[in-house]
Amino acid sequence: MTTTSYTPAAASDQAMWGKVLTLHARVERQLTQALQRKHGIGLSEFRALECLVHAKAGELRMQELADKVGLGQSSVTRLVGRLFSAGFAFRDLCPGDKRGVYAVITDEGKERYADARGTYSEVLSAALNTAGATPELAGTVQALRSAH
């Protein structure tokens, strides 16, 4: 039977990763609540709108959007369906490949993103400041902020 011994580096990596995950969960929860409460959109919808706003011609192939927002193909299909139902985006066929589908942002989607962008930035900064003031996450927040 093979046993795996944990090195101090592996234990340290696990502890560090645990802090990143804790920070991520706290920040995501606050962002989700604020965006839903103030703008009626979820965090995934906000991120998809952000990707589409910054994309050339305001459109991305569905697989590219899935990659950018970190979702699988079926999840991004449902996400774009929600954006379509809200009037924030529509689907369009790729002219060169009829199997390819684009998600395209609408003017209403651009407006909703512009309205929500400030909330996202404010809540993100406040959440990081709050987490950075706690002893267990202060070093993680500081490391992430100094990395960019």
Protein backbone atom coordinates (compact mmCIF):
# COMPACT_ATOMS: atom_id res chain seq x y z
CA MET A 1 0.00 0.00 0.00
CA THR A 2 1.34 3.38 -0.96
CA THR A 3 1.02 6.20 1.51
CA THR A 4 1.31 9.82 0.68
CA SER A 5 3.13 12.03 3.09
CA TYR A 6 2.28 15.69 3.22
CA THR A 7 5.15 18.07 3.00
CA PRO A 8 5.09 21.37 4.84
CA ALA A 9 4.70 23.09 1.45
CA ALA A 10 1.64 20.98 0.61
CA ALA A 11 0.05 21.74 3.97
CA SER A 12 0.84 25.42 3.51
CA ASP A 13 -0.64 25.34 -0.01
CA GLN A 14 -3.82 23.73 1.31
CA ALA A 15 -4.14 26.33 4.05
CA MET A 16 -3.57 29.15 1.58
CA TRP A 17 -6.09 27.68 -0.89
CA GLY A 18 -8.63 27.34 1.92
CA LYS A 19 -8.26 31.06 2.66
CA VAL A 20 -8.69 31.94 -1.03
CA LEU A 21 -11.86 29.83 -1.19
CA THR A 22 -13.23 31.40 2.00
CA LEU A 23 -12.54 34.89 0.65
CA HIS A 24 -14.06 33.98 -2.71
CA ALA A 25 -17.25 32.64 -1.13
CA ARG A 26 -17.71 35.72 1.08
CA VAL A 27 -17.14 38.19 -1.74
CA GLU A 28 -19.30 36.27 -4.24
CA ARG A 29 -22.17 36.10 -1.74
CA GLN A 30 -22.08 39.85 -1.15
CA LEU A 31 -21.83 40.63 -4.87
CA THR A 32 -24.72 38.28 -5.66
CA GLN A 33 -26.97 39.81 -3.01
CA ALA A 34 -26.22 43.40 -4.02
CA LEU A 35 -26.66 42.84 -7.76
CA GLN A 36 -29.90 40.94 -7.26
CA ARG A 37 -31.32 43.45 -4.79
CA LYS A 38 -30.34 46.63 -6.62
CA HIS A 39 -30.39 45.57 -10.30
CA GLY A 40 -32.40 42.36 -10.52
CA ILE A 41 -29.56 40.36 -12.04
CA GLY A 42 -27.37 37.58 -10.76
CA LEU A 43 -23.61 37.56 -10.66
CA SER A 44 -23.35 35.26 -13.70
CA GLU A 45 -25.62 37.57 -15.68
CA PHE A 46 -23.49 40.56 -14.70
CA ARG A 47 -20.29 38.79 -15.73
CA ALA A 48 -21.80 37.70 -19.04
CA LEU A 49 -22.96 41.25 -19.77
CA GLU A 50 -19.49 42.52 -18.89
CA CYS A 51 -17.89 40.08 -21.32
CA LEU A 52 -20.34 41.04 -24.06
CA VAL A 53 -19.90 44.79 -23.47
CA HIS A 54 -16.15 44.44 -23.94
CA ALA A 55 -16.36 42.03 -26.88
CA LYS A 56 -15.88 43.18 -30.44
CA ALA A 57 -19.30 44.15 -31.84
CA GLY A 58 -20.85 43.17 -28.49
CA GLU A 59 -20.99 39.49 -29.37
CA LEU A 60 -19.24 36.26 -28.45
CA ARG A 61 -19.63 32.68 -29.57
CA MET A 62 -21.44 30.74 -26.88
CA GLN A 63 -18.41 28.56 -26.15
CA GLU A 64 -16.18 31.61 -25.82
CA LEU A 65 -18.66 33.21 -23.41
CA ALA A 66 -18.80 29.95 -21.45
CA ASP A 67 -15.00 29.95 -21.15
CA LYS A 68 -14.89 33.60 -20.08
CA VAL A 69 -17.51 33.26 -17.34
CA GLY A 70 -16.33 29.82 -16.23
CA LEU A 71 -19.46 27.87 -17.08
CA GLY A 72 -20.15 24.72 -19.04
CA GLN A 73 -21.98 24.74 -22.35
CA SER A 74 -25.40 23.85 -20.94
CA SER A 75 -25.07 26.39 -18.12
CA VAL A 76 -24.15 29.21 -20.50
CA THR A 77 -27.08 28.25 -22.73
CA ARG A 78 -29.42 28.69 -19.75
CA LEU A 79 -27.64 31.92 -18.78
CA VAL A 80 -28.08 33.40 -22.26
CA GLY A 81 -31.70 32.24 -22.15
CA ARG A 82 -32.21 34.32 -18.99
CA LEU A 83 -30.49 37.31 -20.62
CA PHE A 84 -32.73 36.87 -23.67
CA SER A 85 -35.89 36.69 -21.52
CA ALA A 86 -34.84 39.91 -19.76
CA GLY A 87 -34.14 41.64 -23.08
CA PHE A 88 -30.42 41.98 -22.35
CA ALA A 89 -29.09 39.75 -25.13
CA PHE A 90 -30.16 37.65 -28.10
CA ARG A 91 -28.81 34.65 -29.97
CA ASP A 92 -27.54 34.96 -33.53
CA LEU A 93 -26.21 32.36 -35.94
CA CYS A 94 -22.60 32.54 -37.04
CA PRO A 95 -22.61 33.51 -40.73
CA GLY A 96 -19.68 31.25 -41.62
CA ASP A 97 -20.77 28.27 -39.54
CA LYS A 98 -24.49 27.68 -39.16
CA ARG A 99 -23.81 25.43 -36.16
CA GLY A 100 -22.13 28.31 -34.34
CA VAL A 101 -24.27 30.54 -32.16
CA TYR A 102 -23.40 33.97 -30.84
CA ALA A 103 -24.69 35.76 -27.77
CA VAL A 104 -25.19 39.43 -28.65
CA ILE A 105 -25.80 42.19 -26.11
CA THR A 106 -28.73 44.56 -26.62
CA ASP A 107 -28.88 48.26 -25.81
CA GLU A 108 -30.94 47.37 -22.74
CA GLY A 109 -28.23 44.90 -21.70
CA LYS A 110 -25.59 47.61 -22.08
CA GLU A 111 -27.67 49.94 -19.92
CA ARG A 112 -28.21 47.32 -17.21
CA TYR A 113 -24.49 46.56 -17.16
CA ALA A 114 -23.63 50.27 -16.93
CA ASP A 115 -26.10 50.69 -14.05
CA ALA A 116 -24.77 47.64 -12.18
CA ARG A 117 -21.06 48.25 -12.75
CA GLY A 118 -20.80 50.84 -9.98
CA THR A 119 -22.58 48.60 -7.49
CA TYR A 120 -20.27 45.71 -8.39
CA SER A 121 -17.15 47.85 -7.90
CA GLU A 122 -18.35 49.35 -4.61
CA VAL A 123 -19.43 46.04 -3.12
CA LEU A 124 -16.26 44.30 -4.28
CA SER A 125 -14.03 46.92 -2.65
CA ALA A 126 -16.10 46.97 0.54
CA ALA A 127 -16.11 43.17 0.76
CA LEU A 128 -12.34 43.01 0.29
CA ASN A 129 -11.84 45.78 2.86
CA THR A 130 -14.01 43.93 5.38
CA ALA A 131 -12.26 40.62 4.75
CA GLY A 132 -8.89 42.35 4.87
CA ALA A 133 -9.69 43.60 8.35
CA THR A 134 -10.12 40.06 9.69
CA PRO A 135 -6.98 38.38 10.99
CA GLU A 136 -7.57 35.10 9.11
CA LEU A 137 -7.94 36.78 5.69
CA ALA A 138 -5.86 39.95 5.96
CA GLY A 139 -2.75 38.39 4.42
CA THR A 140 -4.72 36.83 1.58
CA VAL A 141 -6.41 40.11 0.66
CA GLN A 142 -3.11 41.95 0.88
CA ALA A 143 -1.38 39.37 -1.32
CA LEU A 144 -4.13 39.53 -3.94
CA ARG A 145 -4.21 43.31 -4.00
CA SER A 146 -0.43 43.57 -4.33
CA ALA A 147 -0.39 40.98 -7.15
CA HIS A 148 -1.89 43.35 -9.71
